[in-house]
Protein backbone atom coordinates (compact mmCIF):
# COMPACT_ATOMS: atom_id res chain seq x y z
CA MET A 1 2.56 46.45 -84.44
CA GLY A 2 1.21 48.62 -81.65
CA THR A 3 2.33 49.04 -78.10
CA CYS A 4 1.27 46.73 -75.31
CA PHE A 5 -1.43 47.83 -72.89
CA ASP A 6 -1.54 46.15 -69.51
CA TRP A 7 -5.01 45.06 -68.55
CA SER A 8 -5.34 45.82 -64.89
CA PRO A 9 -7.93 44.74 -62.35
CA ALA A 10 -8.75 48.45 -61.94
CA TYR A 11 -9.59 48.74 -65.67
CA GLY A 12 -11.80 45.66 -65.43
CA GLN A 13 -13.54 47.01 -62.34
CA GLU A 14 -14.14 50.33 -64.13
CA LEU A 15 -15.78 48.44 -67.01
CA ILE A 16 -18.04 46.54 -64.62
CA GLU A 17 -19.04 49.72 -62.79
CA PHE A 18 -19.93 51.39 -66.10
CA TYR A 19 -21.95 48.31 -67.08
CA ARG A 20 -23.82 48.47 -63.79
CA ALA A 21 -24.43 52.21 -64.17
CA ALA A 22 -25.97 51.56 -67.60
CA ILE A 23 -28.31 48.92 -66.13
CA ARG A 24 -29.43 51.42 -63.49
CA LYS A 25 -30.62 53.76 -66.25
CA ARG A 26 -34.08 52.63 -67.20
CA SER A 27 -34.14 52.71 -71.00
CA TYR A 28 -37.38 51.41 -72.38
CA SER A 29 -37.80 51.82 -76.14
CA ASP A 30 -38.15 55.52 -77.02
CA GLU A 31 -36.77 56.41 -73.55
CA GLU A 32 -33.04 55.86 -74.14
CA GLY A 33 -31.90 59.49 -73.68
CA GLU A 34 -30.42 59.14 -70.20
CA VAL A 35 -28.41 56.01 -71.00
CA ALA A 36 -27.37 57.56 -74.34
CA ARG A 37 -25.84 60.52 -72.52
CA LEU A 38 -24.07 58.14 -70.11
CA VAL A 39 -22.63 56.13 -73.02
CA LYS A 40 -21.48 59.23 -74.91
CA ALA A 41 -19.80 60.62 -71.80
CA LYS A 42 -17.97 57.31 -71.22
CA MET A 43 -16.73 57.27 -74.82
CA GLU A 44 -15.40 60.79 -74.38
CA ALA A 45 -13.76 59.92 -71.05
CA LEU A 46 -12.06 56.89 -72.59
CA GLY A 47 -10.54 58.99 -75.37
CA PHE A 48 -12.71 58.13 -78.38
CA ASP A 49 -11.77 60.29 -81.37
CA GLU A 50 -15.43 61.14 -81.88
CA ALA A 51 -18.61 60.60 -79.86
CA TYR A 52 -22.06 61.98 -80.60
CA ILE A 53 -25.77 61.25 -80.52
CA ASP A 54 -27.19 61.13 -84.05
CA PRO A 55 -30.60 62.54 -85.08
CA THR A 56 -32.25 59.14 -84.52
CA GLY A 57 -30.92 58.94 -80.93
CA ASN A 58 -28.20 56.35 -81.54
CA VAL A 59 -24.91 56.97 -79.74
CA VAL A 60 -21.98 56.82 -82.15
CA GLY A 61 -18.36 56.50 -81.11
CA ARG A 62 -15.31 56.25 -83.35
CA VAL A 63 -11.65 55.42 -82.78
CA GLY A 64 -9.07 55.38 -85.54
CA SER A 65 -9.27 56.71 -89.06
CA GLY A 66 -8.10 53.90 -91.35
CA ALA A 67 -9.70 52.55 -94.50
CA LYS A 68 -10.83 49.24 -92.96
CA ILE A 69 -14.06 49.93 -91.06
CA ILE A 70 -15.20 47.68 -88.21
CA HIS A 71 -18.53 48.26 -86.47
CA PHE A 72 -19.87 46.94 -83.17
CA ASP A 73 -23.50 47.67 -82.30
CA SER A 74 -25.53 46.95 -79.20
CA HIS A 75 -28.99 48.29 -78.54
CA MET A 76 -29.65 50.44 -75.50
CA ASP A 77 -33.39 49.88 -75.09
CA ASN A 78 -35.12 47.25 -73.00
CA VAL A 79 -38.59 45.79 -72.80
CA GLN A 80 -40.92 46.86 -70.01
CA VAL A 81 -40.75 45.30 -66.56
CA ASN A 82 -44.21 44.05 -65.59
CA ASP A 83 -43.25 41.64 -62.82
CA PRO A 84 -40.60 43.25 -60.56
CA GLU A 85 -41.67 41.11 -57.60
CA ASP A 86 -40.55 37.98 -59.47
CA TRP A 87 -36.97 39.18 -59.97
CA ILE A 88 -34.04 37.92 -57.87
CA ALA A 89 -32.98 41.56 -57.44
CA PRO A 90 -34.82 44.78 -58.34
CA PRO A 91 -34.79 45.18 -62.16
CA PHE A 92 -32.75 48.40 -62.20
CA SER A 93 -30.51 47.77 -59.21
CA ALA A 94 -27.60 46.08 -61.03
CA ASP A 95 -27.07 44.10 -57.83
CA ILE A 96 -24.39 41.44 -57.79
CA VAL A 97 -25.81 38.16 -56.48
CA ASP A 98 -23.58 35.07 -56.30
CA GLY A 99 -21.05 36.76 -58.58
CA MET A 100 -23.56 37.69 -61.30
CA VAL A 101 -24.95 41.12 -62.19
CA TYR A 102 -28.74 41.21 -62.21
CA GLY A 103 -30.99 43.74 -63.87
CA ARG A 104 -33.01 44.61 -66.95
CA GLY A 105 -30.58 44.76 -69.86
CA SER A 106 -27.77 42.96 -68.05
CA VAL A 107 -27.63 40.28 -70.75
CA ASP A 108 -29.62 41.84 -73.57
CA ARG A 109 -27.28 44.23 -74.51
CA LYS A 110 -25.81 46.56 -71.94
CA GLY A 111 -23.01 44.07 -71.21
CA GLY A 112 -22.11 43.83 -74.88
CA LEU A 113 -22.26 47.60 -75.22
CA ALA A 114 -19.94 48.17 -72.26
CA ALA A 115 -17.51 45.52 -73.51
CA SER A 116 -17.45 47.02 -77.02
CA ILE A 117 -16.78 50.53 -75.72
CA TYR A 118 -13.91 49.40 -73.52
CA ALA A 119 -12.48 47.09 -76.22
CA ALA A 120 -12.35 49.93 -78.75
CA ALA A 121 -10.68 52.23 -76.23
CA LEU A 122 -8.22 49.48 -75.35
CA ALA A 123 -7.40 48.89 -79.05
CA LYS A 124 -6.63 52.60 -79.40
CA LYS A 125 -4.44 52.67 -76.27
CA ALA A 126 -2.60 49.55 -77.45
CA GLY A 127 -1.89 51.09 -80.86
CA LEU A 128 -3.81 48.42 -82.73
CA LEU A 129 -5.75 50.68 -85.09
CA ASP A 130 -3.26 51.21 -87.92
CA GLY A 131 -5.32 51.20 -91.11
CA LYS A 132 -8.57 50.71 -89.19
CA THR A 133 -11.56 52.69 -88.03
CA VAL A 134 -13.72 51.17 -85.31
CA TYR A 135 -17.26 52.38 -84.72
CA VAL A 136 -19.21 51.46 -81.60
CA THR A 137 -22.88 52.33 -81.54
CA GLY A 138 -25.60 52.13 -78.95
CA SER A 139 -28.74 51.93 -81.07
CA VAL A 140 -32.28 52.79 -80.06
CA CYS A 141 -35.67 51.10 -80.41
CA GLU A 142 -34.36 47.62 -81.24
CA GLU A 143 -37.01 45.94 -79.13
CA TYR A 144 -39.85 46.88 -81.49
CA CYS A 145 -38.14 47.77 -84.78
CA ASP A 146 -35.01 45.63 -84.86
CA GLY A 147 -32.37 47.13 -87.13
CA VAL A 148 -34.37 50.09 -88.45
CA CYS A 149 -32.53 52.70 -86.36
CA LEU A 150 -29.23 51.13 -87.33
CA GLU A 151 -30.26 51.48 -90.99
CA HIS A 152 -30.79 55.18 -90.30
CA PHE A 153 -27.24 55.39 -88.91
CA TYR A 154 -25.76 53.79 -92.03
CA ARG A 155 -27.82 55.97 -94.35
CA ASP A 156 -27.14 59.23 -92.51
CA SER A 157 -23.45 58.65 -91.74
CA GLY A 158 -22.37 56.90 -94.94
CA VAL A 159 -20.45 54.36 -92.86
CA LYS A 160 -19.99 51.05 -94.70
CA PRO A 161 -18.30 48.43 -92.50
């Protein structure tokens, strides 16, 4: 079995700050480039074995190189904000109100994306990847063509989880 990795409050706070930074990047469908670069940079900083943006615009990160392939995907795009005055906090502020993070994408999918990135990095640090390869992707254009860009990733990469 792998080595133990101590989860620290600092690691948790780093995850939350990354999550909030992702919310602050407006990423409407077909406008995910800025958040994609943020995600790729975080994967690199956390020690992913590979991180790149594919021809479709999906961010792809990999840790491990085993035969068993596990894949976590979260989309990076969000629907338009047409009613900012009705929000508890500005849609791209990532403000914390009563202990909750508010903003466009905070629930639909930037939280899941941040958690997946940090979980994969943690699995690598803890030595839990023997015989496994973990892919984490941030896919594009889910809001209007759910799954199509992920199909492109599978076709182009040959990955079969």
